[in-house]
Amino acid sequence: FEAKEAKELAESLKSQADAAMPKLQGLVSSLFSGLNQLISRALFDGVWIGKDDLEARCTIKDAMLQWHWGEESDFSIQCMWSETSISTLLAGEIFKGSLRLDGCLQWSDGDVWQRRDGEEETEEIA
């Protein structure tokens, strides 16, 4: 190759990669969203209450938290560290939680949740 041909080839390859990148990013985003929902269904879906006060906290379904006051927020599973670690954004603050061996969810602010009556199925909080 001559220098000119090599430069043209490099520019052509860069242009093709730039054109493909949005599609690839969309595919990766879609895959992570699907993974979040599958792991949520297996590990997190259900009605959650405070372990100490037994007060309603939220219902989790398909990687979405519906808080007891009606607001919703999504969460992401922190697959880099563990499929049992999650995080969510609420009122501009990030909260991190980890599913413990006893089935409780321990949050970064110290709150501990348990499923209502050991429920595995998702219901709406009354």
N, C-alpha and C. Protein backbone atom coordinates (compact mmCIF):
# COMPACT_ATOMS: atom_id res chain seq x y z
N PHE A 1 0.83 -1.19 0.00
CA PHE A 1 0.00 0.00 0.00
C PHE A 1 0.87 1.24 0.00
N GLU A 2 0.38 2.19 -0.69
CA GLU A 2 1.02 3.49 -0.59
C GLU A 2 0.41 4.24 0.57
N ALA A 3 1.10 5.26 0.99
CA ALA A 3 0.63 6.03 2.15
C ALA A 3 -0.76 6.59 1.90
N LYS A 4 -1.02 7.07 0.70
CA LYS A 4 -2.32 7.66 0.39
C LYS A 4 -3.43 6.61 0.48
N GLU A 5 -3.16 5.40 -0.08
CA GLU A 5 -4.16 4.33 -0.04
C GLU A 5 -4.41 3.86 1.39
N ALA A 6 -3.36 3.78 2.18
CA ALA A 6 -3.51 3.36 3.57
C ALA A 6 -4.35 4.37 4.34
N LYS A 7 -4.10 5.66 4.08
CA LYS A 7 -4.86 6.70 4.77
C LYS A 7 -6.34 6.64 4.37
N GLU A 8 -6.61 6.44 3.07
CA GLU A 8 -7.99 6.34 2.60
C GLU A 8 -8.69 5.13 3.20
N LEU A 9 -7.97 4.00 3.28
CA LEU A 9 -8.53 2.80 3.87
C LEU A 9 -8.86 3.02 5.34
N ALA A 10 -7.93 3.65 6.06
CA ALA A 10 -8.16 3.93 7.48
C ALA A 10 -9.36 4.84 7.67
N GLU A 11 -9.49 5.87 6.84
CA GLU A 11 -10.63 6.79 6.93
C GLU A 11 -11.94 6.07 6.62
N SER A 12 -11.91 5.19 5.64
CA SER A 12 -13.11 4.42 5.28
C SER A 12 -13.53 3.50 6.43
N LEU A 13 -12.57 2.82 7.03
CA LEU A 13 -12.87 1.93 8.15
C LEU A 13 -13.41 2.72 9.35
N LYS A 14 -12.83 3.88 9.63
CA LYS A 14 -13.29 4.72 10.72
C LYS A 14 -14.72 5.18 10.47
N SER A 15 -15.01 5.56 9.23
CA SER A 15 -16.35 6.01 8.88
C SER A 15 -17.37 4.87 9.07
N GLN A 16 -17.01 3.66 8.66
CA GLN A 16 -17.90 2.51 8.83
C GLN A 16 -18.12 2.19 10.31
N ALA A 17 -17.05 2.28 11.09
CA ALA A 17 -17.17 2.03 12.53
C ALA A 17 -18.03 3.09 13.19
N ASP A 18 -17.86 4.36 12.80
CA ASP A 18 -18.68 5.44 13.36
C ASP A 18 -20.15 5.23 13.04
N ALA A 19 -20.44 4.75 11.83
CA ALA A 19 -21.82 4.51 11.43
C ALA A 19 -22.44 3.34 12.20
N ALA A 20 -21.64 2.33 12.52
CA ALA A 20 -22.15 1.15 13.20
C ALA A 20 -22.29 1.34 14.71
N MET A 21 -21.55 2.30 15.26
CA MET A 21 -21.51 2.47 16.72
C MET A 21 -22.88 2.72 17.36
N PRO A 22 -23.73 3.61 16.84
CA PRO A 22 -25.05 3.81 17.49
C PRO A 22 -25.88 2.52 17.54
N LYS A 23 -25.83 1.72 16.48
CA LYS A 23 -26.58 0.46 16.47
C LYS A 23 -26.03 -0.49 17.53
N LEU A 24 -24.71 -0.55 17.64
CA LEU A 24 -24.08 -1.42 18.62
C LEU A 24 -24.41 -0.96 20.04
N GLN A 25 -24.37 0.35 20.28
CA GLN A 25 -24.71 0.88 21.59
C GLN A 25 -26.16 0.57 21.95
N GLY A 26 -27.06 0.69 20.97
CA GLY A 26 -28.46 0.36 21.21
C GLY A 26 -28.65 -1.11 21.54
N LEU A 27 -27.93 -1.97 20.83
CA LEU A 27 -28.02 -3.41 21.09
C LEU A 27 -27.50 -3.74 22.49
N VAL A 28 -26.37 -3.19 22.87
CA VAL A 28 -25.81 -3.44 24.20
C VAL A 28 -26.76 -2.93 25.28
N SER A 29 -27.32 -1.75 25.09
CA SER A 29 -28.27 -1.19 26.06
C SER A 29 -29.49 -2.10 26.20
N SER A 30 -29.99 -2.59 25.10
CA SER A 30 -31.14 -3.48 25.10
C SER A 30 -30.82 -4.79 25.82
N LEU A 31 -29.63 -5.32 25.58
CA LEU A 31 -29.23 -6.56 26.24
C LEU A 31 -29.11 -6.37 27.76
N PHE A 32 -28.53 -5.25 28.21
CA PHE A 32 -28.41 -5.00 29.64
C PHE A 32 -29.78 -4.79 30.27
N SER A 33 -30.69 -4.13 29.58
CA SER A 33 -32.03 -3.93 30.09
C SER A 33 -32.73 -5.28 30.27
N GLY A 34 -32.61 -6.15 29.28
CA GLY A 34 -33.20 -7.48 29.37
C GLY A 34 -32.59 -8.30 30.49
N LEU A 35 -31.28 -8.19 30.65
CA LEU A 35 -30.59 -8.91 31.73
C LEU A 35 -31.07 -8.41 33.09
N ASN A 36 -31.19 -7.09 33.23
CA ASN A 36 -31.71 -6.52 34.48
C ASN A 36 -33.08 -7.10 34.81
N GLN A 37 -33.96 -7.17 33.83
CA GLN A 37 -35.31 -7.67 34.07
C GLN A 37 -35.30 -9.15 34.45
N LEU A 38 -34.47 -9.94 33.79
CA LEU A 38 -34.41 -11.37 34.11
C LEU A 38 -33.88 -11.60 35.52
N ILE A 39 -32.81 -10.91 35.89
CA ILE A 39 -32.26 -11.07 37.23
C ILE A 39 -33.24 -10.54 38.26
N SER A 40 -33.91 -9.42 37.95
CA SER A 40 -34.90 -8.88 38.86
C SER A 40 -35.99 -9.90 39.14
N ARG A 41 -36.51 -10.52 38.09
CA ARG A 41 -37.57 -11.51 38.27
C ARG A 41 -37.11 -12.66 39.15
N ALA A 42 -35.87 -13.09 38.96
CA ALA A 42 -35.37 -14.24 39.70
C ALA A 42 -35.04 -13.91 41.15
N LEU A 43 -34.53 -12.70 41.42
CA LEU A 43 -34.01 -12.41 42.75
C LEU A 43 -34.73 -11.32 43.53
N PHE A 44 -35.30 -10.34 42.85
CA PHE A 44 -35.76 -9.14 43.54
C PHE A 44 -37.26 -8.89 43.49
N ASP A 45 -37.97 -9.44 42.51
CA ASP A 45 -39.39 -9.13 42.38
C ASP A 45 -40.16 -9.56 43.63
N GLY A 46 -41.04 -8.68 44.07
CA GLY A 46 -41.87 -8.98 45.23
C GLY A 46 -42.23 -7.71 45.97
N VAL A 47 -43.00 -7.87 47.03
CA VAL A 47 -43.38 -6.76 47.90
C VAL A 47 -42.37 -6.72 49.04
N TRP A 48 -41.75 -5.56 49.26
CA TRP A 48 -40.70 -5.41 50.27
C TRP A 48 -41.16 -4.50 51.39
N ILE A 49 -40.84 -4.90 52.62
CA ILE A 49 -41.17 -4.13 53.82
C ILE A 49 -39.90 -3.96 54.66
N GLY A 50 -39.91 -2.99 55.56
CA GLY A 50 -38.78 -2.80 56.46
C GLY A 50 -38.66 -3.97 57.42
N LYS A 51 -37.45 -4.47 57.60
CA LYS A 51 -37.24 -5.61 58.49
C LYS A 51 -37.56 -5.25 59.94
N ASP A 52 -37.20 -4.05 60.37
CA ASP A 52 -37.41 -3.66 61.77
C ASP A 52 -38.83 -3.19 62.06
N ASP A 53 -39.40 -2.38 61.16
CA ASP A 53 -40.71 -1.78 61.44
C ASP A 53 -41.87 -2.43 60.68
N LEU A 54 -41.56 -3.34 59.76
CA LEU A 54 -42.56 -4.05 58.94
C LEU A 54 -43.45 -3.10 58.13
N GLU A 55 -42.98 -1.88 57.92
CA GLU A 55 -43.70 -0.89 57.11
C GLU A 55 -43.38 -1.09 55.63
N ALA A 56 -44.37 -0.82 54.78
CA ALA A 56 -44.20 -0.98 53.34
C ALA A 56 -43.08 -0.09 52.82
N ARG A 57 -42.26 -0.63 51.92
CA ARG A 57 -41.22 0.14 51.26
C ARG A 57 -41.55 0.28 49.78
N CYS A 58 -41.69 -0.87 49.11
CA CYS A 58 -41.96 -0.80 47.67
C CYS A 58 -42.35 -2.18 47.14
N THR A 59 -42.78 -2.17 45.89
CA THR A 59 -42.96 -3.39 45.12
C THR A 59 -41.93 -3.34 44.01
N ILE A 60 -41.21 -4.43 43.83
CA ILE A 60 -40.24 -4.51 42.73
C ILE A 60 -40.80 -5.48 41.70
N LYS A 61 -40.81 -5.01 40.47
CA LYS A 61 -41.24 -5.87 39.36
C LYS A 61 -40.48 -5.45 38.11
N ASP A 62 -39.80 -6.42 37.49
CA ASP A 62 -39.07 -6.20 36.24
C ASP A 62 -38.12 -5.01 36.32
N ALA A 63 -37.33 -4.95 37.37
CA ALA A 63 -36.30 -3.91 37.56
C ALA A 63 -36.90 -2.52 37.72
N MET A 64 -38.12 -2.44 38.22
CA MET A 64 -38.78 -1.17 38.51
C MET A 64 -39.27 -1.21 39.95
N LEU A 65 -38.95 -0.16 40.71
CA LEU A 65 -39.44 -0.03 42.08
C LEU A 65 -40.64 0.88 42.07
N GLN A 66 -41.75 0.43 42.62
CA GLN A 66 -42.90 1.29 42.84
C GLN A 66 -42.95 1.52 44.34
N TRP A 67 -42.60 2.75 44.73
CA TRP A 67 -42.53 3.11 46.15
C TRP A 67 -43.92 3.14 46.75
N HIS A 68 -44.01 2.97 48.06
CA HIS A 68 -45.30 2.91 48.74
C HIS A 68 -46.08 4.21 48.59
N TRP A 69 -45.45 5.32 48.24
CA TRP A 69 -46.16 6.58 48.04
C TRP A 69 -46.54 6.78 46.57
N GLY A 70 -46.24 5.78 45.71
CA GLY A 70 -46.69 5.82 44.32
C GLY A 70 -45.64 6.17 43.29
N GLU A 71 -44.56 6.79 43.69
CA GLU A 71 -43.49 7.15 42.74
C GLU A 71 -42.78 5.88 42.27
N GLU A 72 -42.25 5.94 41.05
CA GLU A 72 -41.50 4.81 40.51
C GLU A 72 -40.07 5.21 40.23
N SER A 73 -39.17 4.27 40.36
CA SER A 73 -37.79 4.46 39.92
C SER A 73 -37.25 3.12 39.47
N ASP A 74 -36.40 3.17 38.48
CA ASP A 74 -35.81 1.91 38.01
C ASP A 74 -34.55 1.64 38.79
N PHE A 75 -34.07 0.43 38.69
CA PHE A 75 -32.80 0.10 39.31
C PHE A 75 -31.96 -0.70 38.36
N SER A 76 -30.68 -0.71 38.60
CA SER A 76 -29.81 -1.53 37.78
C SER A 76 -29.06 -2.50 38.66
N ILE A 77 -28.87 -3.66 38.09
CA ILE A 77 -28.14 -4.71 38.77
C ILE A 77 -26.66 -4.47 38.49
N GLN A 78 -25.87 -4.51 39.52
CA GLN A 78 -24.45 -4.21 39.41
C GLN A 78 -23.69 -5.48 39.05
N CYS A 79 -23.83 -5.90 37.78
CA CYS A 79 -23.25 -7.17 37.34
C CYS A 79 -21.73 -7.21 37.45
N MET A 80 -21.09 -6.04 37.46
CA MET A 80 -19.64 -6.03 37.58
C MET A 80 -19.19 -6.65 38.90
N TRP A 81 -19.94 -6.38 39.96
CA TRP A 81 -19.56 -6.87 41.28
C TRP A 81 -20.29 -8.15 41.62
N SER A 82 -21.60 -8.15 41.41
CA SER A 82 -22.40 -9.30 41.80
C SER A 82 -23.82 -9.11 41.29
N GLU A 83 -24.44 -10.20 40.88
CA GLU A 83 -25.83 -10.10 40.41
C GLU A 83 -26.79 -9.88 41.57
N THR A 84 -26.29 -9.90 42.80
CA THR A 84 -27.14 -9.65 43.96
C THR A 84 -26.98 -8.23 44.49
N SER A 85 -26.30 -7.36 43.76
CA SER A 85 -26.15 -5.95 44.15
C SER A 85 -26.89 -5.07 43.16
N ILE A 86 -27.63 -4.09 43.68
CA ILE A 86 -28.41 -3.20 42.84
C ILE A 86 -28.15 -1.75 43.26
N SER A 87 -28.58 -0.84 42.40
CA SER A 87 -28.55 0.58 42.77
C SER A 87 -29.77 1.25 42.15
N THR A 88 -30.21 2.32 42.81
CA THR A 88 -31.34 3.10 42.30
C THR A 88 -31.11 4.56 42.64
N LEU A 89 -31.74 5.41 41.87
CA LEU A 89 -31.65 6.85 42.08
C LEU A 89 -32.99 7.32 42.63
N LEU A 90 -32.95 7.98 43.78
CA LEU A 90 -34.17 8.50 44.41
C LEU A 90 -33.87 9.89 44.94
N ALA A 91 -34.65 10.86 44.50
CA ALA A 91 -34.51 12.26 44.93
C ALA A 91 -33.07 12.75 44.74
N GLY A 92 -32.47 12.36 43.63
CA GLY A 92 -31.13 12.82 43.30
C GLY A 92 -30.00 12.10 44.02
N GLU A 93 -30.33 11.10 44.82
CA GLU A 93 -29.30 10.36 45.56
C GLU A 93 -29.27 8.91 45.10
N ILE A 94 -28.08 8.38 44.96
CA ILE A 94 -27.91 6.98 44.56
C ILE A 94 -27.86 6.11 45.81
N PHE A 95 -28.69 5.08 45.82
CA PHE A 95 -28.70 4.11 46.91
C PHE A 95 -28.27 2.77 46.34
N LYS A 96 -27.42 2.08 47.10
CA LYS A 96 -26.94 0.76 46.69
C LYS A 96 -27.46 -0.27 47.67
N GLY A 97 -27.87 -1.41 47.14
CA GLY A 97 -28.38 -2.48 47.98
C GLY A 97 -27.76 -3.81 47.61
N SER A 98 -27.69 -4.69 48.58
CA SER A 98 -27.17 -6.05 48.35
C SER A 98 -28.12 -7.06 48.97
N LEU A 99 -28.41 -8.09 48.20
CA LEU A 99 -29.25 -9.17 48.69
C LEU A 99 -28.40 -10.06 49.59
N ARG A 100 -28.84 -10.22 50.84
CA ARG A 100 -28.08 -11.01 51.80
C ARG A 100 -28.47 -12.48 51.70
N LEU A 101 -27.69 -13.33 52.34
CA LEU A 101 -27.97 -14.77 52.33
C LEU A 101 -29.31 -15.11 52.96
N ASP A 102 -29.77 -14.28 53.91
CA ASP A 102 -31.07 -14.53 54.56
C ASP A 102 -32.24 -14.02 53.72
N GLY A 103 -31.96 -13.50 52.50
CA GLY A 103 -33.03 -13.03 51.61
C GLY A 103 -33.39 -11.58 51.82
N CYS A 104 -32.80 -10.92 52.81
CA CYS A 104 -33.07 -9.49 53.05
C CYS A 104 -32.22 -8.64 52.12
N LEU A 105 -32.70 -7.44 51.89
CA LEU A 105 -32.01 -6.47 51.04
C LEU A 105 -31.43 -5.39 51.94
N GLN A 106 -30.10 -5.30 52.02
CA GLN A 106 -29.38 -4.34 52.86
C GLN A 106 -29.00 -3.14 52.00
N TRP A 107 -29.44 -1.94 52.42
CA TRP A 107 -29.20 -0.72 51.65
C TRP A 107 -28.05 0.10 52.23
N SER A 108 -27.46 0.91 51.38
CA SER A 108 -26.31 1.75 51.76
C SER A 108 -26.66 2.76 52.85
N ASP A 109 -27.93 3.10 53.01
CA ASP A 109 -28.32 4.04 54.07
C ASP A 109 -28.63 3.32 55.39
N GLY A 110 -28.40 2.01 55.43
CA GLY A 110 -28.61 1.23 56.65
C GLY A 110 -29.96 0.54 56.72
N ASP A 111 -30.90 0.91 55.86
CA ASP A 111 -32.22 0.27 55.88
C ASP A 111 -32.09 -1.18 55.41
N VAL A 112 -32.87 -2.05 56.03
CA VAL A 112 -32.90 -3.47 55.65
C VAL A 112 -34.34 -3.82 55.33
N TRP A 113 -34.54 -4.43 54.17
CA TRP A 113 -35.87 -4.83 53.74
C TRP A 113 -35.97 -6.35 53.73
N GLN A 114 -37.19 -6.82 53.89
CA GLN A 114 -37.50 -8.24 53.68
C GLN A 114 -38.76 -8.33 52.85
N ARG A 115 -38.94 -9.47 52.21
CA ARG A 115 -40.18 -9.65 51.46
C ARG A 115 -41.32 -9.82 52.46
N ARG A 116 -42.47 -9.24 52.11
CA ARG A 116 -43.65 -9.37 52.99
C ARG A 116 -44.04 -10.84 53.08
N ASP A 117 -44.06 -11.37 54.29
CA ASP A 117 -44.43 -12.77 54.55
C ASP A 117 -43.69 -13.74 53.65
N GLY A 118 -42.45 -13.41 53.30
CA GLY A 118 -41.64 -14.30 52.47
C GLY A 118 -42.13 -14.43 51.05
N GLU A 119 -42.94 -13.48 50.59
CA GLU A 119 -43.52 -13.56 49.24
C GLU A 119 -42.45 -13.59 48.17
N GLU A 120 -42.69 -14.37 47.17
CA GLU A 120 -41.85 -14.38 45.98
C GLU A 120 -42.59 -13.70 44.83
N GLU A 121 -43.90 -13.81 44.84
CA GLU A 121 -44.71 -13.22 43.76
C GLU A 121 -44.94 -11.74 44.00
N THR A 122 -45.04 -10.99 42.92
CA THR A 122 -45.25 -9.56 43.02
C THR A 122 -46.72 -9.25 43.16
N GLU A 123 -47.06 -8.41 44.13
CA GLU A 123 -48.39 -7.86 44.29
C GLU A 123 -48.24 -6.37 44.51
N GLU A 124 -49.30 -5.66 44.36
CA GLU A 124 -49.26 -4.22 44.65
C GLU A 124 -49.35 -4.02 46.16
N ILE A 125 -48.69 -3.00 46.66
CA ILE A 125 -48.79 -2.68 48.09
C ILE A 125 -50.15 -2.04 48.32
N ALA A 126 -50.85 -2.55 49.31
CA ALA A 126 -52.19 -2.00 49.61
C ALA A 126 -52.08 -0.75 50.43
